Amino acid sequence: MKTSVIILFSIIFNTYVFSQKGFEDQLEYKATYQLTAKLDSTDSDFVKSEEMLLFIGNEVSTFSSKGMNLENSLKISGNTGSTSKAALTEFHYIIVKDAKNKKMYYTHKIVDDNFFYSQELNPFNWAILEETKAILNYECQKAVTSFAGRKYFAWFTTEIPISEGPYKFNGLPGLIVEIYDTEEDYTFKLIGFEKLEPKILLKLKLKNYIEIDKSKLLDLWHEYKSDPFMYINNPNVTISPEIHKKYQMTFKKMLEQRNNPIELK
């Protein structure tokens, strides 16, 4: 059977970091997680929930929201992505973990500009505890770590001996089945795991991405979300000052409701 092709996104990091022109790997597994996030620290009822997808290959994995996969015209086994409401997402990043080079890349697109920052693949100092329990018929063991201003509890299973997990998490002797911070502001729960038959060829052409500091990227994203109209480079799109001001007030309110990011520092 002809090997299916998955193209998650096309980027070339415009930097000396890569000696190769891109990634190519065979994706063997897909793990689906349900993310529940309390985005407003002042309102416990303001909760967002989305499906997140982790594709795992021999050396490379990718993690993003299901909506981001659709937005980027993800093609799996002939299914073409959609730009419909199904592609809407609160989480606009794509994380690439490169086991061979022990690097992790956080990528983000703002209008027509593509950015990324890199960090160590496994920055986690895990403590594995004796506590165990069954989750989804997997025997799981508890672990604890701290990352980016939060303390996390994770449940992993050696029945799936893959040192991977949702978001940036990895480094345990088995797949992370569930992970949440102590305040339960962010909770990832595995809801599906499958072996891909046939394997899927992953091609990442790394092009036209700009390396940037994490703090600068967050500042740019905040500026954009504060006033997206300032980033519209289309002479055919005009807006009156009065309407623009009303939109600015709406954007401000939306930002105020998203004051609880997953990484606090």
C-alpha atoms as a PDB file:
ATOM      1  CA  MET A   1       0.000   0.000   0.000  1.00  0.00           C
ATOM      2  CA  LYS A   2       1.304   3.434  -0.866  1.00  0.00           C
ATOM      3  CA  THR A   3       2.594   5.323   2.140  1.00  0.00           C
ATOM      4  CA  SER A   4       0.319   8.179   3.181  1.00  0.00           C
ATOM      5  CA  VAL A   5       1.844  11.625   3.524  1.00  0.00           C
ATOM      6  CA  ILE A   6       1.217  14.060   6.368  1.00  0.00           C
ATOM      7  CA  ILE A   7       2.239  17.684   5.965  1.00  0.00           C
ATOM      8  CA  LEU A   8       1.687  19.452   9.274  1.00  0.00           C
ATOM      9  CA  PHE A   9       3.260  22.743   8.205  1.00  0.00           C
ATOM     10  CA  SER A  10       6.124  24.012   6.075  1.00  0.00           C
ATOM     11  CA  ILE A  11       8.848  25.942   7.822  1.00  0.00           C
ATOM     12  CA  ILE A  12      12.551  26.525   7.452  1.00  0.00           C
ATOM     13  CA  PHE A  13      14.046  28.144  10.489  1.00  0.00           C
ATOM     14  CA  ASN A  14      16.109  30.991   9.035  1.00  0.00           C
ATOM     15  CA  THR A  15      19.042  30.354  11.356  1.00  0.00           C
ATOM     16  CA  TYR A  16      22.201  28.326  11.796  1.00  0.00           C
ATOM     17  CA  VAL A  17      20.478  26.008  14.295  1.00  0.00           C
ATOM     18  CA  PHE A  18      19.741  23.418  11.608  1.00  0.00           C
ATOM     19  CA  SER A  19      22.361  21.790   9.455  1.00  0.00           C
ATOM     20  CA  GLN A  20      19.660  19.850   7.644  1.00  0.00           C
ATOM     21  CA  LYS A  21      17.047  21.387   5.377  1.00  0.00           C
ATOM     22  CA  GLY A  22      14.159  19.855   7.245  1.00  0.00           C
ATOM     23  CA  PHE A  23      12.747  16.878   9.073  1.00  0.00           C
ATOM     24  CA  GLU A  24      11.546  13.619   7.628  1.00  0.00           C
ATOM     25  CA  ASP A  25      10.279  10.792   9.785  1.00  0.00           C
ATOM     26  CA  GLN A  26       7.829   7.919   9.896  1.00  0.00           C
ATOM     27  CA  LEU A  27       4.945   8.669  12.248  1.00  0.00           C
ATOM     28  CA  GLU A  28       3.950   5.505  14.071  1.00  0.00           C
ATOM     29  CA  TYR A  29       1.456   6.636  16.706  1.00  0.00           C
ATOM     30  CA  LYS A  30      -1.232   9.222  17.345  1.00  0.00           C
ATOM     31  CA  ALA A  31      -2.265  10.154  20.871  1.00  0.00           C
ATOM     32  CA  THR A  32      -5.341  12.326  21.363  1.00  0.00           C
ATOM     33  CA  TYR A  33      -5.686  14.360  24.540  1.00  0.00           C
ATOM     34  CA  GLN A  34      -8.533  16.411  25.952  1.00  0.00           C
ATOM     35  CA  LEU A  35      -7.203  19.691  27.272  1.00  0.00           C
ATOM     36  CA  THR A  36      -9.273  21.552  29.839  1.00  0.00           C
ATOM     37  CA  ALA A  37      -7.954  25.038  30.588  1.00  0.00           C
ATOM     38  CA  LYS A  38      -9.068  27.729  33.011  1.00  0.00           C
ATOM     39  CA  LEU A  39      -7.912  30.742  31.040  1.00  0.00           C
ATOM     40  CA  ASP A  40      -9.240  33.373  33.475  1.00  0.00           C
ATOM     41  CA  SER A  41      -7.762  33.203  36.963  1.00  0.00           C
ATOM     42  CA  THR A  42     -10.575  35.430  38.265  1.00  0.00           C
ATOM     43  CA  ASP A  43     -13.427  33.319  36.887  1.00  0.00           C
ATOM     44  CA  SER A  44     -13.365  29.564  37.519  1.00  0.00           C
ATOM     45  CA  ASP A  45     -16.348  29.117  35.189  1.00  0.00           C
ATOM     46  CA  PHE A  46     -14.448  30.436  32.174  1.00  0.00           C
ATOM     47  CA  VAL A  47     -13.151  27.091  30.953  1.00  0.00           C
ATOM     48  CA  LYS A  48     -12.050  26.056  27.470  1.00  0.00           C
ATOM     49  CA  SER A  49     -11.755  22.461  26.324  1.00  0.00           C
ATOM     50  CA  GLU A  50     -10.162  21.237  23.092  1.00  0.00           C
ATOM     51  CA  GLU A  51      -8.807  18.071  21.584  1.00  0.00           C
ATOM     52  CA  MET A  52      -5.035  18.091  21.156  1.00  0.00           C
ATOM     53  CA  LEU A  53      -3.044  15.785  18.879  1.00  0.00           C
ATOM     54  CA  LEU A  54       0.365  14.239  19.504  1.00  0.00           C
ATOM     55  CA  PHE A  55       1.946  12.493  16.518  1.00  0.00           C
ATOM     56  CA  ILE A  56       4.947  10.342  17.404  1.00  0.00           C
ATOM     57  CA  GLY A  57       7.691   9.201  15.060  1.00  0.00           C
ATOM     58  CA  ASN A  58      11.075   7.572  15.474  1.00  0.00           C
ATOM     59  CA  GLU A  59      12.932  10.822  16.145  1.00  0.00           C
ATOM     60  CA  VAL A  60      10.348  13.594  15.858  1.00  0.00           C
ATOM     61  CA  SER A  61       6.977  14.309  17.424  1.00  0.00           C
ATOM     62  CA  THR A  62       4.517  17.144  16.858  1.00  0.00           C
ATOM     63  CA  PHE A  63       1.883  18.506  19.228  1.00  0.00           C
ATOM     64  CA  SER A  64      -0.897  20.962  18.476  1.00  0.00           C
ATOM     65  CA  SER A  65      -4.605  21.478  18.825  1.00  0.00           C
ATOM     66  CA  LYS A  66      -6.934  19.660  16.483  1.00  0.00           C
ATOM     67  CA  GLY A  67      -8.032  23.084  15.268  1.00  0.00           C
ATOM     68  CA  MET A  68      -4.467  24.036  14.349  1.00  0.00           C
ATOM     69  CA  ASN A  69      -4.134  20.847  12.316  1.00  0.00           C
ATOM     70  CA  LEU A  70      -7.274  21.746  10.407  1.00  0.00           C
ATOM     71  CA  GLU A  71      -6.187  25.363  10.000  1.00  0.00           C
ATOM     72  CA  ASN A  72      -2.882  24.225   8.524  1.00  0.00           C
ATOM     73  CA  SER A  73      -4.629  21.918   6.034  1.00  0.00           C
ATOM     74  CA  LEU A  74      -3.466  18.747   7.695  1.00  0.00           C
ATOM     75  CA  LYS A  75      -3.794  15.795   5.334  1.00  0.00           C
ATOM     76  CA  ILE A  76      -4.020  12.315   6.757  1.00  0.00           C
ATOM     77  CA  SER A  77      -4.899   9.390   4.538  1.00  0.00           C
ATOM     78  CA  GLY A  78      -6.532  11.658   1.976  1.00  0.00           C
ATOM     79  CA  ASN A  79      -8.556  13.784   4.413  1.00  0.00           C
ATOM     80  CA  THR A  80      -8.080  17.472   3.662  1.00  0.00           C
ATOM     81  CA  GLY A  81      -8.181  20.066   6.418  1.00  0.00           C
ATOM     82  CA  SER A  82     -10.925  22.636   6.751  1.00  0.00           C
ATOM     83  CA  THR A  83     -11.029  26.353   7.465  1.00  0.00           C
ATOM     84  CA  SER A  84     -14.537  26.036   8.936  1.00  0.00           C
ATOM     85  CA  LYS A  85     -15.508  26.621  12.570  1.00  0.00           C
ATOM     86  CA  ALA A  86     -13.974  23.253  13.367  1.00  0.00           C
ATOM     87  CA  ALA A  87     -10.575  24.847  12.792  1.00  0.00           C
ATOM     88  CA  LEU A  88     -11.073  27.519  15.454  1.00  0.00           C
ATOM     89  CA  THR A  89      -8.766  27.143  18.427  1.00  0.00           C
ATOM     90  CA  GLU A  90      -7.561  28.943  21.551  1.00  0.00           C
ATOM     91  CA  PHE A  91      -4.139  27.355  21.192  1.00  0.00           C
ATOM     92  CA  HIS A  92      -2.201  28.564  18.153  1.00  0.00           C
ATOM     93  CA  TYR A  93       1.167  26.912  18.674  1.00  0.00           C
ATOM     94  CA  ILE A  94       2.755  23.838  17.146  1.00  0.00           C
ATOM     95  CA  ILE A  95       5.450  22.154  19.228  1.00  0.00           C
ATOM     96  CA  VAL A  96       8.085  20.005  17.537  1.00  0.00           C
ATOM     97  CA  LYS A  97      10.237  17.707  19.667  1.00  0.00           C
ATOM     98  CA  ASP A  98      13.474  16.556  18.056  1.00  0.00           C
ATOM     99  CA  ALA A  99      14.854  13.584  20.013  1.00  0.00           C
ATOM    100  CA  LYS A 100      17.936  13.213  17.821  1.00  0.00           C
ATOM    101  CA  ASN A 101      19.197  16.732  18.507  1.00  0.00           C
ATOM    102  CA  LYS A 102      17.588  16.936  21.970  1.00  0.00           C
ATOM    103  CA  LYS A 103      15.782  20.128  21.078  1.00  0.00           C
ATOM    104  CA  MET A 104      12.229  21.346  21.311  1.00  0.00           C
ATOM    105  CA  TYR A 105      10.786  24.040  19.047  1.00  0.00           C
ATOM    106  CA  TYR A 106       7.757  26.175  19.850  1.00  0.00           C
ATOM    107  CA  THR A 107       6.381  27.643  16.620  1.00  0.00           C
ATOM    108  CA  HIS A 108       3.784  30.350  16.232  1.00  0.00           C
ATOM    109  CA  LYS A 109       2.393  32.248  13.259  1.00  0.00           C
ATOM    110  CA  ILE A 110       1.174  35.830  13.618  1.00  0.00           C
ATOM    111  CA  VAL A 111      -0.626  36.912  10.449  1.00  0.00           C
ATOM    112  CA  ASP A 112       2.057  36.420   7.763  1.00  0.00           C
ATOM    113  CA  ASP A 113       5.044  36.196  10.076  1.00  0.00           C
ATOM    114  CA  ASN A 114       6.339  32.843  11.320  1.00  0.00           C
ATOM    115  CA  PHE A 115       8.282  32.679  14.577  1.00  0.00           C
ATOM    116  CA  PHE A 116       9.921  30.082  16.770  1.00  0.00           C
ATOM    117  CA  TYR A 117      11.994  29.698  19.886  1.00  0.00           C
ATOM    118  CA  SER A 118      13.921  26.610  20.956  1.00  0.00           C
ATOM    119  CA  GLN A 119      14.785  25.036  24.277  1.00  0.00           C
ATOM    120  CA  GLU A 120      16.176  21.867  25.803  1.00  0.00           C
ATOM    121  CA  LEU A 121      14.081  18.820  24.927  1.00  0.00           C
ATOM    122  CA  ASN A 122      13.663  17.548  28.487  1.00  0.00           C
ATOM    123  CA  PRO A 123      13.878  20.368  31.051  1.00  0.00           C
ATOM    124  CA  PHE A 124      11.905  18.355  33.604  1.00  0.00           C
ATOM    125  CA  ASN A 125      13.264  17.062  36.889  1.00  0.00           C
ATOM    126  CA  TRP A 126      10.810  14.214  37.443  1.00  0.00           C
ATOM    127  CA  ALA A 127      10.305  12.457  40.766  1.00  0.00           C
ATOM    128  CA  ILE A 128       8.582   9.108  40.262  1.00  0.00           C
ATOM    129  CA  LEU A 129       6.295   8.154  43.146  1.00  0.00           C
ATOM    130  CA  GLU A 130       5.092   4.728  44.295  1.00  0.00           C
ATOM    131  CA  GLU A 131       1.388   5.492  43.817  1.00  0.00           C
ATOM    132  CA  THR A 132      -0.329   3.630  40.965  1.00  0.00           C
ATOM    133  CA  LYS A 133      -3.819   3.406  39.500  1.00  0.00           C
ATOM    134  CA  ALA A 134      -5.592   2.215  36.360  1.00  0.00           C
ATOM    135  CA  ILE A 135      -6.528   4.795  33.722  1.00  0.00           C
ATOM    136  CA  LEU A 136      -8.152   3.713  30.450  1.00  0.00           C
ATOM    137  CA  ASN A 137      -7.199   0.107  31.300  1.00  0.00           C
ATOM    138  CA  TYR A 138      -3.524   1.087  31.523  1.00  0.00           C
ATOM    139  CA  GLU A 139      -1.601   0.539  34.734  1.00  0.00           C
ATOM    140  CA  CYS A 140      -0.241   4.004  35.509  1.00  0.00           C
ATOM    141  CA  GLN A 141       2.287   5.384  37.968  1.00  0.00           C
ATOM    142  CA  LYS A 142       2.417   8.858  39.443  1.00  0.00           C
ATOM    143  CA  ALA A 143       5.220  11.374  38.961  1.00  0.00           C
ATOM    144  CA  VAL A 144       5.726  14.981  39.944  1.00  0.00           C
ATOM    145  CA  THR A 145       7.674  17.884  38.462  1.00  0.00           C
ATOM    146  CA  SER A 146       7.730  21.679  38.323  1.00  0.00           C
ATOM    147  CA  PHE A 147       7.811  23.654  35.101  1.00  0.00           C
ATOM    148  CA  ALA A 148       7.411  27.309  34.155  1.00  0.00           C
ATOM    149  CA  GLY A 149       5.945  28.387  37.474  1.00  0.00           C
ATOM    150  CA  ARG A 150       3.609  25.451  38.059  1.00  0.00           C
ATOM    151  CA  LYS A 151       3.857  22.137  39.894  1.00  0.00           C
ATOM    152  CA  TYR A 152       2.494  19.149  37.965  1.00  0.00           C
ATOM    153  CA  PHE A 153       1.319  15.647  38.763  1.00  0.00           C
ATOM    154  CA  ALA A 154       1.546  13.170  35.905  1.00  0.00           C
ATOM    155  CA  TRP A 155       0.349   9.609  35.428  1.00  0.00           C
ATOM    156  CA  PHE A 156       2.351   7.573  32.931  1.00  0.00           C
ATOM    157  CA  THR A 157       2.217   3.994  31.740  1.00  0.00           C
ATOM    158  CA  THR A 158       5.118   1.719  30.856  1.00  0.00           C
ATOM    159  CA  GLU A 159       2.605  -0.383  28.915  1.00  0.00           C
ATOM    160  CA  ILE A 160       3.219   2.217  26.202  1.00  0.00           C
ATOM    161  CA  PRO A 161       7.012   2.526  26.520  1.00  0.00           C
ATOM    162  CA  ILE A 162       7.267   5.863  24.718  1.00  0.00           C
ATOM    163  CA  SER A 163       8.888   8.754  26.575  1.00  0.00           C
ATOM    164  CA  GLU A 164       6.360  11.302  25.346  1.00  0.00           C
ATOM    165  CA  GLY A 165       3.426  13.374  26.491  1.00  0.00           C
ATOM    166  CA  PRO A 166       1.216  16.370  25.704  1.00  0.00           C
ATOM    167  CA  TYR A 167       2.443  19.924  25.302  1.00  0.00           C
ATOM    168  CA  LYS A 168       6.187  20.090  26.092  1.00  0.00           C
ATOM    169  CA  PHE A 169       6.090  17.240  28.611  1.00  0.00           C
ATOM    170  CA  ASN A 170       8.313  14.209  28.077  1.00  0.00           C
ATOM    171  CA  GLY A 171      11.117  12.269  29.761  1.00  0.00           C
ATOM    172  CA  LEU A 172       9.218   9.618  31.743  1.00  0.00           C
ATOM    173  CA  PRO A 173       9.685   5.860  31.081  1.00  0.00           C
ATOM    174  CA  GLY A 174       6.298   5.644  29.379  1.00  0.00           C
ATOM    175  CA  LEU A 175       3.571   7.685  27.733  1.00  0.00           C
ATOM    176  CA  ILE A 176       1.932  10.345  29.892  1.00  0.00           C
ATOM    177  CA  VAL A 177      -1.738   9.409  30.177  1.00  0.00           C
ATOM    178  CA  GLU A 178      -2.792  12.314  32.349  1.00  0.00           C
ATOM    179  CA  ILE A 179      -1.099  15.450  33.646  1.00  0.00           C
ATOM    180  CA  TYR A 180      -2.392  18.450  35.574  1.00  0.00           C
ATOM    181  CA  ASP A 181      -1.026  21.298  37.663  1.00  0.00           C
ATOM    182  CA  THR A 182      -1.790  21.496  41.389  1.00  0.00           C
ATOM    183  CA  GLU A 183      -4.477  24.154  40.830  1.00  0.00           C
ATOM    184  CA  GLU A 184      -5.971  22.071  37.988  1.00  0.00           C
ATOM    185  CA  ASP A 185      -5.893  25.121  35.751  1.00  0.00           C
ATOM    186  CA  TYR A 186      -4.527  22.968  32.919  1.00  0.00           C
ATOM    187  CA  THR A 187      -5.396  19.293  32.607  1.00  0.00           C
ATOM    188  CA  PHE A 188      -4.449  16.966  29.748  1.00  0.00           C
ATOM    189  CA  LYS A 189      -6.197  13.585  29.618  1.00  0.00           C
ATOM    190  CA  LEU A 190      -5.517  10.883  27.056  1.00  0.00           C
ATOM    191  CA  ILE A 191      -8.739   9.955  25.255  1.00  0.00           C
ATOM    192  CA  GLY A 192      -7.311   7.913  22.385  1.00  0.00           C
ATOM    193  CA  PHE A 193      -4.154   6.139  21.335  1.00  0.00           C
ATOM    194  CA  GLU A 194      -3.611   4.325  18.075  1.00  0.00           C
ATOM    195  CA  LYS A 195      -0.855   2.780  16.043  1.00  0.00           C
ATOM    196  CA  LEU A 196      -0.876   4.176  12.542  1.00  0.00           C
ATOM    197  CA  GLU A 197      -1.202   1.517   9.869  1.00  0.00           C
ATOM    198  CA  PRO A 198       0.407   2.125   7.517  1.00  0.00           C
ATOM    199  CA  LYS A 199       2.913   4.491   9.034  1.00  0.00           C
ATOM    200  CA  ILE A 200       2.593   8.078   7.923  1.00  0.00           C
ATOM    201  CA  LEU A 201       5.458   9.896   6.289  1.00  0.00           C
ATOM    202  CA  LEU A 202       6.091  13.187   8.024  1.00  0.00           C
ATOM    203  CA  LYS A 203       7.798  15.912   6.031  1.00  0.00           C
ATOM    204  CA  LEU A 204       8.659  19.212   7.617  1.00  0.00           C
ATOM    205  CA  LYS A 205      10.255  21.706   5.276  1.00  0.00           C
ATOM    206  CA  LEU A 206      11.766  24.275   7.576  1.00  0.00           C
ATOM    207  CA  LYS A 207      11.498  27.596   5.786  1.00  0.00           C
ATOM    208  CA  ASN A 208      10.960  31.271   6.459  1.00  0.00           C
ATOM    209  CA  TYR A 209      10.699  31.095  10.252  1.00  0.00           C
ATOM    210  CA  ILE A 210      12.317  33.737  12.423  1.00  0.00           C
ATOM    211  CA  GLU A 211      14.060  32.839  15.658  1.00  0.00           C
ATOM    212  CA  ILE A 212      12.913  35.028  18.537  1.00  0.00           C
ATOM    213  CA  ASP A 213      13.120  35.167  22.311  1.00  0.00           C
ATOM    214  CA  LYS A 214      10.194  33.606  24.130  1.00  0.00           C
ATOM    215  CA  SER A 215       9.352  36.847  25.936  1.00  0.00           C
ATOM    216  CA  LYS A 216       9.430  38.833  22.693  1.00  0.00           C
ATOM    217  CA  LEU A 217       7.150  36.336  20.972  1.00  0.00           C
ATOM    218  CA  LEU A 218       4.652  36.575  23.832  1.00  0.00           C
ATOM    219  CA  ASP A 219       4.777  40.381  23.596  1.00  0.00           C
ATOM    220  CA  LEU A 220       4.122  40.285  19.847  1.00  0.00           C
ATOM    221  CA  TRP A 221       1.193  37.909  20.304  1.00  0.00           C
ATOM    222  CA  HIS A 222      -0.269  40.165  23.001  1.00  0.00           C
ATOM    223  CA  GLU A 223       0.077  43.209  20.748  1.00  0.00           C
ATOM    224  CA  TYR A 224      -1.646  41.384  17.917  1.00  0.00           C
ATOM    225  CA  LYS A 225      -4.515  40.147  20.101  1.00  0.00           C
ATOM    226  CA  SER A 226      -4.919  43.671  21.484  1.00  0.00           C
ATOM    227  CA  ASP A 227      -5.630  45.073  18.033  1.00  0.00           C
ATOM    228  CA  PRO A 228      -5.571  42.634  15.077  1.00  0.00           C
ATOM    229  CA  PHE A 229      -6.650  45.403  12.675  1.00  0.00           C
ATOM    230  CA  MET A 230      -3.240  47.030  13.071  1.00  0.00           C
ATOM    231  CA  TYR A 231      -1.748  43.952  11.412  1.00  0.00           C
ATOM    232  CA  ILE A 232      -4.031  43.859   8.396  1.00  0.00           C
ATOM    233  CA  ASN A 233      -1.935  44.650   5.321  1.00  0.00           C
ATOM    234  CA  ASN A 234      -4.757  44.942   2.843  1.00  0.00           C
ATOM    235  CA  PRO A 235      -5.677  48.308   1.256  1.00  0.00           C
ATOM    236  CA  ASN A 236      -9.152  46.941   0.489  1.00  0.00           C
ATOM    237  CA  VAL A 237      -9.932  46.546   4.198  1.00  0.00           C
ATOM    238  CA  THR A 238     -10.897  49.807   5.860  1.00  0.00           C
ATOM    239  CA  ILE A 239     -12.557  50.541   9.177  1.00  0.00           C
ATOM    240  CA  SER A 240     -13.844  53.770  10.658  1.00  0.00           C
ATOM    241  CA  PRO A 241     -12.210  55.111  13.843  1.00  0.00           C
ATOM    242  CA  GLU A 242     -15.478  54.654  15.746  1.00  0.00           C
ATOM    243  CA  ILE A 243     -15.848  50.991  14.784  1.00  0.00           C
ATOM    244  CA  HIS A 244     -12.144  50.426  15.367  1.00  0.00           C
ATOM    245  CA  LYS A 245     -12.485  51.763  18.907  1.00  0.00           C
ATOM    246  CA  LYS A 246     -15.414  49.424  19.611  1.00  0.00           C
ATOM    247  CA  TYR A 247     -13.374  46.458  18.386  1.00  0.00           C
ATOM    248  CA  GLN A 248     -10.450  47.533  20.569  1.00  0.00           C
ATOM    249  CA  MET A 249     -12.732  47.452  23.624  1.00  0.00           C
ATOM    250  CA  THR A 250     -13.894  43.962  22.670  1.00  0.00           C
ATOM    251  CA  PHE A 251     -10.313  42.750  22.161  1.00  0.00           C
ATOM    252  CA  LYS A 252      -9.315  44.245  25.510  1.00  0.00           C
ATOM    253  CA  LYS A 253     -12.097  42.354  27.285  1.00  0.00           C
ATOM    254  CA  MET A 254     -11.095  39.119  25.585  1.00  0.00           C
ATOM    255  CA  LEU A 255      -7.481  39.577  26.682  1.00  0.00           C
ATOM    256  CA  GLU A 256      -8.566  40.306  30.250  1.00  0.00           C
ATOM    257  CA  GLN A 257     -10.313  36.915  30.251  1.00  0.00           C
ATOM    258  CA  ARG A 258      -7.099  35.177  29.172  1.00  0.00           C
ATOM    259  CA  ASN A 259      -4.817  36.132  32.023  1.00  0.00           C
ATOM    260  CA  ASN A 260      -3.819  32.617  33.101  1.00  0.00           C
ATOM    261  CA  PRO A 261      -1.310  31.157  30.602  1.00  0.00           C
ATOM    262  CA  ILE A 262       0.029  27.646  31.019  1.00  0.00           C
ATOM    263  CA  GLU A 263       3.543  29.023  31.526  1.00  0.00           C
ATOM    264  CA  LEU A 264       3.680  31.602  34.305  1.00  0.00           C
ATOM    265  CA  LYS A 265       7.368  32.362  33.816  1.00  0.00           C
END
